[in-house]
C-alpha atoms as a PDB file:
ATOM      1  CA  MET A   1       0.038  -0.135   0.095  1.00  0.00           C
ATOM      2  CA  THR A   2       1.330   3.443  -1.056  1.00  0.00           C
ATOM      3  CA  VAL A   3       0.366   6.452   0.947  1.00  0.00           C
ATOM      4  CA  ALA A   4       0.950   9.924  -0.249  1.00  0.00           C
ATOM      5  CA  LEU A   5       1.736  12.791   2.273  1.00  0.00           C
ATOM      6  CA  VAL A   6       0.924  16.283   0.513  1.00  0.00           C
ATOM      7  CA  ALA A   7       1.641  19.823   1.883  1.00  0.00           C
ATOM      8  CA  ALA A   8       1.742  23.070   0.109  1.00  0.00           C
ATOM      9  CA  VAL A   9       5.112  24.277   1.919  1.00  0.00           C
ATOM     10  CA  ARG A  10       8.465  22.862   3.097  1.00  0.00           C
ATOM     11  CA  ASP A  11       7.843  24.044   6.857  1.00  0.00           C
ATOM     12  CA  GLU A  12       4.588  22.114   6.999  1.00  0.00           C
ATOM     13  CA  LEU A  13       5.976  18.619   6.018  1.00  0.00           C
ATOM     14  CA  MET A  14       9.686  18.510   7.060  1.00  0.00           C
ATOM     15  CA  PRO A  15       9.223  17.572  10.539  1.00  0.00           C
ATOM     16  CA  THR A  16       7.097  14.744   9.452  1.00  0.00           C
ATOM     17  CA  ILE A  17       9.688  13.668   6.728  1.00  0.00           C
ATOM     18  CA  HIS A  18      12.536  13.732   9.535  1.00  0.00           C
ATOM     19  CA  ARG A  19      10.224  11.995  12.019  1.00  0.00           C
ATOM     20  CA  LEU A  20       9.308   8.984   9.619  1.00  0.00           C
ATOM     21  CA  GLY A  21      12.957   8.908   8.286  1.00  0.00           C
ATOM     22  CA  LEU A  22      11.765   9.695   4.603  1.00  0.00           C
ATOM     23  CA  LYS A  23      14.715  10.054   2.229  1.00  0.00           C
ATOM     24  CA  PRO A  24      14.936  12.480  -0.699  1.00  0.00           C
ATOM     25  CA  ASP A  25      14.186  10.988  -4.318  1.00  0.00           C
ATOM     26  CA  ALA A  26      13.961  14.096  -6.199  1.00  0.00           C
ATOM     27  CA  PRO A  27      11.361  15.756  -6.503  1.00  0.00           C
ATOM     28  CA  TRP A  28       9.834  13.429  -3.850  1.00  0.00           C
ATOM     29  CA  TYR A  29      10.627  11.988  -0.245  1.00  0.00           C
ATOM     30  CA  VAL A  30      10.115   8.220   0.131  1.00  0.00           C
ATOM     31  CA  GLY A  31      10.121   5.424   2.718  1.00  0.00           C
ATOM     32  CA  GLN A  32       8.441   2.919   4.722  1.00  0.00           C
ATOM     33  CA  ARG A  33       6.388   3.058   7.904  1.00  0.00           C
ATOM     34  CA  SER A  34       3.865   0.694   9.417  1.00  0.00           C
ATOM     35  CA  GLY A  35       3.906  -1.726   6.430  1.00  0.00           C
ATOM     36  CA  LYS A  36       3.468   1.143   3.956  1.00  0.00           C
ATOM     37  CA  ARG A  37       5.334   2.775   1.418  1.00  0.00           C
ATOM     38  CA  ILE A  38       5.419   6.389   1.853  1.00  0.00           C
ATOM     39  CA  VAL A  39       5.894   9.182  -0.682  1.00  0.00           C
ATOM     40  CA  ALA A  40       5.835  12.829   0.116  1.00  0.00           C
ATOM     41  CA  ALA A  41       5.737  16.101  -1.776  1.00  0.00           C
ATOM     42  CA  PHE A  42       5.363  19.874  -1.624  1.00  0.00           C
ATOM     43  CA  THR A  43       2.828  21.142  -4.120  1.00  0.00           C
ATOM     44  CA  GLY A  44       3.800  24.891  -3.456  1.00  0.00           C
ATOM     45  CA  VAL A  45       1.276  27.789  -2.934  1.00  0.00           C
ATOM     46  CA  GLY A  46      -1.822  28.557  -5.082  1.00  0.00           C
ATOM     47  CA  SER A  47      -4.311  26.225  -6.790  1.00  0.00           C
ATOM     48  CA  ARG A  48      -2.742  25.805 -10.200  1.00  0.00           C
ATOM     49  CA  ARG A  49       0.590  24.523  -9.148  1.00  0.00           C
ATOM     50  CA  ALA A  50      -0.799  22.341  -6.465  1.00  0.00           C
ATOM     51  CA  ILE A  51      -3.219  20.694  -8.890  1.00  0.00           C
ATOM     52  CA  GLU A  52      -0.225  20.198 -11.378  1.00  0.00           C
ATOM     53  CA  VAL A  53       2.201  18.653  -8.921  1.00  0.00           C
ATOM     54  CA  PHE A  54      -0.596  16.525  -7.088  1.00  0.00           C
ATOM     55  CA  ASN A  55      -1.623  15.071 -10.445  1.00  0.00           C
ATOM     56  CA  THR A  56       1.947  14.189 -11.356  1.00  0.00           C
ATOM     57  CA  MET A  57       2.431  12.494  -7.915  1.00  0.00           C
ATOM     58  CA  LEU A  58      -0.693  10.401  -8.442  1.00  0.00           C
ATOM     59  CA  ASP A  59       0.161   9.335 -11.936  1.00  0.00           C
ATOM     60  CA  GLU A  60       3.788   8.372 -10.907  1.00  0.00           C
ATOM     61  CA  HIS A  61       3.111   6.764  -7.608  1.00  0.00           C
ATOM     62  CA  ARG A  62      -0.582   5.403  -7.773  1.00  0.00           C
ATOM     63  CA  PRO A  63      -1.238   5.825  -3.902  1.00  0.00           C
ATOM     64  CA  SER A  64      -4.047   4.243  -2.321  1.00  0.00           C
ATOM     65  CA  LEU A  65      -4.650   6.813   0.290  1.00  0.00           C
ATOM     66  CA  VAL A  66      -3.523  10.557   0.274  1.00  0.00           C
ATOM     67  CA  ILE A  67      -3.032  12.519   3.400  1.00  0.00           C
ATOM     68  CA  HIS A  68      -3.066  16.074   2.825  1.00  0.00           C
ATOM     69  CA  ALA A  69      -1.506  17.887   5.819  1.00  0.00           C
ATOM     70  CA  GLY A  70      -0.245  21.505   6.588  1.00  0.00           C
ATOM     71  CA  PHE A  71      -0.784  24.526   8.769  1.00  0.00           C
ATOM     72  CA  ALA A  72      -3.974  26.577   8.733  1.00  0.00           C
ATOM     73  CA  GLY A  73      -5.027  29.931  10.067  1.00  0.00           C
ATOM     74  CA  GLY A  74      -7.664  29.494  12.840  1.00  0.00           C
ATOM     75  CA  LEU A  75     -10.877  30.938  12.515  1.00  0.00           C
ATOM     76  CA  ASP A  76     -12.578  29.218  15.467  1.00  0.00           C
ATOM     77  CA  PRO A  77     -11.635  31.338  18.668  1.00  0.00           C
ATOM     78  CA  ALA A  78     -11.429  28.217  20.845  1.00  0.00           C
ATOM     79  CA  LEU A  79      -8.448  26.804  18.743  1.00  0.00           C
ATOM     80  CA  ARG A  80      -5.077  27.703  20.044  1.00  0.00           C
ATOM     81  CA  VAL A  81      -1.379  27.442  18.619  1.00  0.00           C
ATOM     82  CA  ALA A  82      -0.651  24.131  17.079  1.00  0.00           C
ATOM     83  CA  SER A  83      -4.157  22.731  17.896  1.00  0.00           C
ATOM     84  CA  ILE A  84      -4.876  19.823  15.611  1.00  0.00           C
ATOM     85  CA  VAL A  85      -7.819  19.496  13.324  1.00  0.00           C
ATOM     86  CA  VAL A  86      -8.847  16.281  11.576  1.00  0.00           C
ATOM     87  CA  VAL A  87     -10.759  17.684   8.554  1.00  0.00           C
ATOM     88  CA  ASP A  88     -13.984  15.927   7.475  1.00  0.00           C
ATOM     89  CA  TRP A  89     -15.616  18.710   5.488  1.00  0.00           C
ATOM     90  CA  VAL A  90     -13.875  21.178   2.915  1.00  0.00           C
ATOM     91  CA  ILE A  91     -15.833  24.261   1.582  1.00  0.00           C
ATOM     92  CA  ASP A  92     -15.095  27.182  -0.588  1.00  0.00           C
ATOM     93  CA  SER A  93     -16.381  30.766  -0.342  1.00  0.00           C
ATOM     94  CA  GLN A  94     -18.845  29.967  -3.250  1.00  0.00           C
ATOM     95  CA  GLY A  95     -20.404  26.923  -1.479  1.00  0.00           C
ATOM     96  CA  GLN A  96     -18.709  24.090  -3.013  1.00  0.00           C
ATOM     97  CA  THR A  97     -18.605  21.322  -0.354  1.00  0.00           C
ATOM     98  CA  TYR A  98     -16.926  18.038  -0.050  1.00  0.00           C
ATOM     99  CA  ARG A  99     -17.016  15.392   2.542  1.00  0.00           C
ATOM    100  CA  LEU A 100     -14.273  13.246   3.512  1.00  0.00           C
ATOM    101  CA  ASN A 101     -13.880  11.019   6.532  1.00  0.00           C
ATOM    102  CA  GLY A 102     -11.074   9.189   5.118  1.00  0.00           C
ATOM    103  CA  HIS A 103     -12.932   8.123   2.005  1.00  0.00           C
ATOM    104  CA  ILE A 104     -13.283   9.201  -1.564  1.00  0.00           C
ATOM    105  CA  PRO A 105     -14.406  12.932  -1.341  1.00  0.00           C
ATOM    106  CA  THR A 106     -17.968  13.363  -1.831  1.00  0.00           C
ATOM    107  CA  ALA A 107     -19.118  16.605  -3.618  1.00  0.00           C
ATOM    108  CA  THR A 108     -22.319  18.502  -2.972  1.00  0.00           C
ATOM    109  CA  PRO A 109     -23.441  21.682  -4.876  1.00  0.00           C
ATOM    110  CA  THR A 110     -23.908  23.950  -1.905  1.00  0.00           C
ATOM    111  CA  ALA A 111     -22.350  24.264   1.568  1.00  0.00           C
ATOM    112  CA  ILE A 112     -24.432  22.324   4.198  1.00  0.00           C
ATOM    113  CA  ALA A 113     -25.357  24.011   7.043  1.00  0.00           C
ATOM    114  CA  SER A 114     -23.126  24.144  10.071  1.00  0.00           C
ATOM    115  CA  GLY A 115     -25.153  22.113  12.376  1.00  0.00           C
ATOM    116  CA  ALA A 116     -26.336  24.939  14.732  1.00  0.00           C
ATOM    117  CA  THR A 117     -29.904  23.726  14.071  1.00  0.00           C
ATOM    118  CA  GLY A 118     -29.031  20.321  13.550  1.00  0.00           C
ATOM    119  CA  GLY A 119     -27.164  17.057  14.596  1.00  0.00           C
ATOM    120  CA  PRO A 120     -25.248  14.095  13.519  1.00  0.00           C
ATOM    121  CA  GLY A 121     -28.537  12.408  12.365  1.00  0.00           C
ATOM    122  CA  ASP A 122     -29.528  15.263  10.346  1.00  0.00           C
ATOM    123  CA  ALA A 123     -28.603  15.296   6.616  1.00  0.00           C
ATOM    124  CA  SER A 124     -27.946  18.886   6.915  1.00  0.00           C
ATOM    125  CA  TYR A 125     -25.257  18.479   9.849  1.00  0.00           C
ATOM    126  CA  ARG A 126     -21.674  19.878   9.124  1.00  0.00           C
ATOM    127  CA  PRO A 127     -19.935  20.542  12.507  1.00  0.00           C
ATOM    128  CA  ALA A 128     -17.525  23.754  12.538  1.00  0.00           C
ATOM    129  CA  ALA A 129     -14.972  21.716  14.465  1.00  0.00           C
ATOM    130  CA  THR A 130     -14.132  19.655  11.359  1.00  0.00           C
ATOM    131  CA  THR A 131     -14.612  21.982   8.448  1.00  0.00           C
ATOM    132  CA  LEU A 132     -11.844  23.760   6.497  1.00  0.00           C
ATOM    133  CA  LEU A 133     -12.633  26.733   4.413  1.00  0.00           C
ATOM    134  CA  THR A 134     -10.642  27.297   1.085  1.00  0.00           C
ATOM    135  CA  MET A 135      -9.873  30.857   0.210  1.00  0.00           C
ATOM    136  CA  ASP A 136      -8.067  32.407  -2.982  1.00  0.00           C
ATOM    137  CA  HIS A 137      -5.820  34.586  -0.834  1.00  0.00           C
ATOM    138  CA  LEU A 138      -3.992  34.763   2.592  1.00  0.00           C
ATOM    139  CA  VAL A 139      -6.539  35.477   5.183  1.00  0.00           C
ATOM    140  CA  HIS A 140      -4.356  37.612   7.551  1.00  0.00           C
ATOM    141  CA  SER A 141      -6.270  39.760   9.739  1.00  0.00           C
ATOM    142  CA  THR A 142      -8.378  39.115  12.921  1.00  0.00           C
ATOM    143  CA  THR A 143     -11.261  41.147  11.431  1.00  0.00           C
ATOM    144  CA  GLU A 144     -11.290  38.864   8.251  1.00  0.00           C
ATOM    145  CA  LYS A 145     -11.017  35.700  10.460  1.00  0.00           C
ATOM    146  CA  GLU A 146     -13.892  36.798  12.532  1.00  0.00           C
ATOM    147  CA  ALA A 147     -16.054  37.619   9.586  1.00  0.00           C
ATOM    148  CA  LEU A 148     -15.492  34.412   7.884  1.00  0.00           C
ATOM    149  CA  PHE A 149     -16.067  32.431  10.896  1.00  0.00           C
ATOM    150  CA  ARG A 150     -19.696  33.876  11.240  1.00  0.00           C
ATOM    151  CA  GLN A 151     -20.249  33.514   7.503  1.00  0.00           C
ATOM    152  CA  HIS A 152     -19.073  30.015   7.024  1.00  0.00           C
ATOM    153  CA  ARG A 153     -18.693  28.218  10.305  1.00  0.00           C
ATOM    154  CA  ALA A 154     -15.313  26.643   9.851  1.00  0.00           C
ATOM    155  CA  ALA A 155     -12.661  25.933  12.148  1.00  0.00           C
ATOM    156  CA  VAL A 156      -9.554  26.650  10.013  1.00  0.00           C
ATOM    157  CA  VAL A 157      -8.800  28.295   6.599  1.00  0.00           C
ATOM    158  CA  ASP A 158      -6.175  27.831   4.043  1.00  0.00           C
ATOM    159  CA  MET A 159      -5.610  28.304   0.103  1.00  0.00           C
ATOM    160  CA  GLU A 160      -5.359  25.058  -1.671  1.00  0.00           C
ATOM    161  CA  THR A 161      -7.527  22.271   0.099  1.00  0.00           C
ATOM    162  CA  VAL A 162     -10.589  22.219  -1.906  1.00  0.00           C
ATOM    163  CA  HIS A 163      -8.706  22.111  -5.259  1.00  0.00           C
ATOM    164  CA  LEU A 164      -6.968  18.858  -4.184  1.00  0.00           C
ATOM    165  CA  ALA A 165     -10.147  17.424  -2.666  1.00  0.00           C
ATOM    166  CA  ARG A 166     -11.790  18.145  -6.256  1.00  0.00           C
ATOM    167  CA  VAL A 167      -8.759  16.091  -7.887  1.00  0.00           C
ATOM    168  CA  ALA A 168      -9.221  13.071  -5.486  1.00  0.00           C
ATOM    169  CA  GLN A 169     -12.725  12.983  -6.244  1.00  0.00           C
ATOM    170  CA  GLN A 170     -12.511  12.954  -9.828  1.00  0.00           C
ATOM    171  CA  ARG A 171      -9.782  10.333  -9.649  1.00  0.00           C
ATOM    172  CA  GLY A 172     -11.825   8.077  -6.962  1.00  0.00           C
ATOM    173  CA  LEU A 173      -9.031   8.522  -4.581  1.00  0.00           C
ATOM    174  CA  ALA A 174      -9.262   8.281  -0.585  1.00  0.00           C
ATOM    175  CA  MET A 175      -8.234  11.183   1.290  1.00  0.00           C
ATOM    176  CA  LYS A 176      -7.506  12.279   4.851  1.00  0.00           C
ATOM    177  CA  MET A 177      -6.731  15.868   5.884  1.00  0.00           C
ATOM    178  CA  VAL A 178      -5.118  17.126   9.195  1.00  0.00           C
ATOM    179  CA  ARG A 179      -4.155  20.575  10.139  1.00  0.00           C
ATOM    180  CA  ALA A 180      -2.251  22.354  12.625  1.00  0.00           C
ATOM    181  CA  VAL A 181      -3.198  26.001  13.606  1.00  0.00           C
ATOM    182  CA  SER A 182      -0.138  28.172  12.862  1.00  0.00           C
ATOM    183  CA  ASP A 183      -1.861  31.471  13.471  1.00  0.00           C
ATOM    184  CA  PRO A 184      -5.101  31.457  15.899  1.00  0.00           C
ATOM    185  CA  ALA A 185      -8.202  33.544  15.285  1.00  0.00           C
ATOM    186  CA  GLY A 186      -7.058  36.259  17.647  1.00  0.00           C
ATOM    187  CA  MET A 187      -3.596  36.768  15.774  1.00  0.00           C
ATOM    188  CA  SER A 188      -2.877  38.798  12.814  1.00  0.00           C
ATOM    189  CA  ILE A 189       0.006  37.858  10.320  1.00  0.00           C
ATOM    190  CA  PRO A 190       1.945  40.009   7.686  1.00  0.00           C
ATOM    191  CA  GLN A 191      -0.007  39.998   4.505  1.00  0.00           C
ATOM    192  CA  GLU A 192       3.250  39.991   2.633  1.00  0.00           C
ATOM    193  CA  ALA A 193       3.736  36.615   4.262  1.00  0.00           C
ATOM    194  CA  VAL A 194       2.488  34.762   1.154  1.00  0.00           C
ATOM    195  CA  ARG A 195       5.583  36.224  -0.713  1.00  0.00           C
ATOM    196  CA  TRP A 196       7.961  34.473   1.767  1.00  0.00           C
ATOM    197  CA  VAL A 197       7.297  31.239  -0.233  1.00  0.00           C
ATOM    198  CA  ASN A 198       8.603  30.419  -3.552  1.00  0.00           C
ATOM    199  CA  ALA A 199       6.353  28.682  -5.985  1.00  0.00           C
ATOM    200  CA  ASP A 200       7.655  25.326  -5.061  1.00  0.00           C
ATOM    201  CA  GLY A 201       7.173  25.685  -1.300  1.00  0.00           C
ATOM    202  CA  SER A 202      10.634  26.541  -0.451  1.00  0.00           C
ATOM    203  CA  HIS A 203      11.720  29.675   1.521  1.00  0.00           C
ATOM    204  CA  ASN A 204      12.145  33.046  -0.264  1.00  0.00           C
ATOM    205  CA  LEU A 205      14.496  34.347   2.378  1.00  0.00           C
ATOM    206  CA  PRO A 206      15.376  37.586   0.476  1.00  0.00           C
ATOM    207  CA  ALA A 207      11.632  38.507   0.450  1.00  0.00           C
ATOM    208  CA  ALA A 208      11.323  37.864   4.321  1.00  0.00           C
ATOM    209  CA  VAL A 209      14.527  39.793   5.107  1.00  0.00           C
ATOM    210  CA  TRP A 210      13.528  42.718   3.172  1.00  0.00           C
ATOM    211  CA  HIS A 211       9.974  42.809   4.771  1.00  0.00           C
ATOM    212  CA  LEU A 212      11.756  43.057   8.171  1.00  0.00           C
ATOM    213  CA  VAL A 213      14.222  45.540   7.208  1.00  0.00           C
ATOM    214  CA  THR A 214      11.632  48.029   5.804  1.00  0.00           C
ATOM    215  CA  ARG A 215       9.050  47.165   8.640  1.00  0.00           C
ATOM    216  CA  PRO A 216      10.959  46.545  11.701  1.00  0.00           C
ATOM    217  CA  TRP A 217       7.820  47.106  13.994  1.00  0.00           C
ATOM    218  CA  LYS A 218       6.679  43.646  12.739  1.00  0.00           C
ATOM    219  CA  ILE A 219       9.606  41.792  13.761  1.00  0.00           C
ATOM    220  CA  ALA A 220       8.125  40.544  17.172  1.00  0.00           C
ATOM    221  CA  THR A 221       4.921  39.404  15.113  1.00  0.00           C
ATOM    222  CA  THR A 222       7.166  37.498  12.666  1.00  0.00           C
ATOM    223  CA  MET A 223       9.417  35.809  15.317  1.00  0.00           C
ATOM    224  CA  GLN A 224       5.955  34.572  17.194  1.00  0.00           C
ATOM    225  CA  LEU A 225       4.792  33.368  13.980  1.00  0.00           C
ATOM    226  CA  GLY A 226       7.994  31.537  13.484  1.00  0.00           C
ATOM    227  CA  ARG A 227       7.862  29.884  17.106  1.00  0.00           C
ATOM    228  CA  ASN A 228       4.115  28.796  16.269  1.00  0.00           C
ATOM    229  CA  VAL A 229       5.248  27.116  12.980  1.00  0.00           C
ATOM    230  CA  LYS A 230       8.009  25.158  14.803  1.00  0.00           C
ATOM    231  CA  LEU A 231       5.292  23.850  17.457  1.00  0.00           C
ATOM    232  CA  ALA A 232       2.642  23.304  14.817  1.00  0.00           C
ATOM    233  CA  GLY A 233       5.023  21.254  12.670  1.00  0.00           C
ATOM    234  CA  ALA A 234       6.063  19.039  15.582  1.00  0.00           C
ATOM    235  CA  ASN A 235       2.386  18.356  16.493  1.00  0.00           C
ATOM    236  CA  LEU A 236       1.609  17.780  12.859  1.00  0.00           C
ATOM    237  CA  ALA A 237       4.172  15.257  12.579  1.00  0.00           C
ATOM    238  CA  GLN A 238       3.195  13.164  15.691  1.00  0.00           C
ATOM    239  CA  ARG A 239      -0.443  13.097  14.411  1.00  0.00           C
ATOM    240  CA  ILE A 240       0.442  12.041  10.885  1.00  0.00           C
ATOM    241  CA  GLU A 241       2.771   9.300  12.245  1.00  0.00           C
ATOM    242  CA  ALA A 242      -0.377   8.120  14.416  1.00  0.00           C
ATOM    243  CA  LEU A 243      -2.694   8.168  11.235  1.00  0.00           C
ATOM    244  CA  LEU A 244      -0.081   5.772   9.441  1.00  0.00           C
ATOM    245  CA  SER A 245      -0.374   3.456  12.190  1.00  0.00           C
ATOM    246  CA  GLU A 246      -4.194   3.263  11.901  1.00  0.00           C
END
């Protein structure tokens, strides 16, 4: 059995790669764990590149299961730094909805209600605690996070997931998703942070340094985000290892 591990950027998956002892086999990382062959990849930021890399990975390695992992911004105020969210529902701002539960994503034409008026036995039930929202831009401000939580009732937000769920659904591929919160609902991050990552998911160090040199008042926030990312990566690696043992 081959399991694919997929994340957008290196920081999200490198702690897992080290924990599992995966070895580079460009452009992938490969290894064995719990009787399974593991192949890992970074898709980069943004939907177009993510879809291209994901399809290439699927064509070359033919996995039986995809674990899509990574960081996400917190929308639910109850979530703290490095909180782990196992995602069962993926939605976008236009109402497209995919249900996962470790199976082939099931698409529905419009977003199902958050469950505020329903329950697990109700067909309209979608718990906010296991829902991820995909947006087409970096959600960086606490104001927007609060508005999105009220509107969509999702626990976390990112920029790629719904697109990969659509690919998995089209290809009949089982998928699990797990996220670690890098920036909670009450934390704003620099809007320019999206430029600190190259198209392939690696660091764009010159862009990050230039940002801090020209905006020294943002150094404290950036350093805090770095600490958050380190803790989130460690928690994420631990959870992925547990998923592979199931």
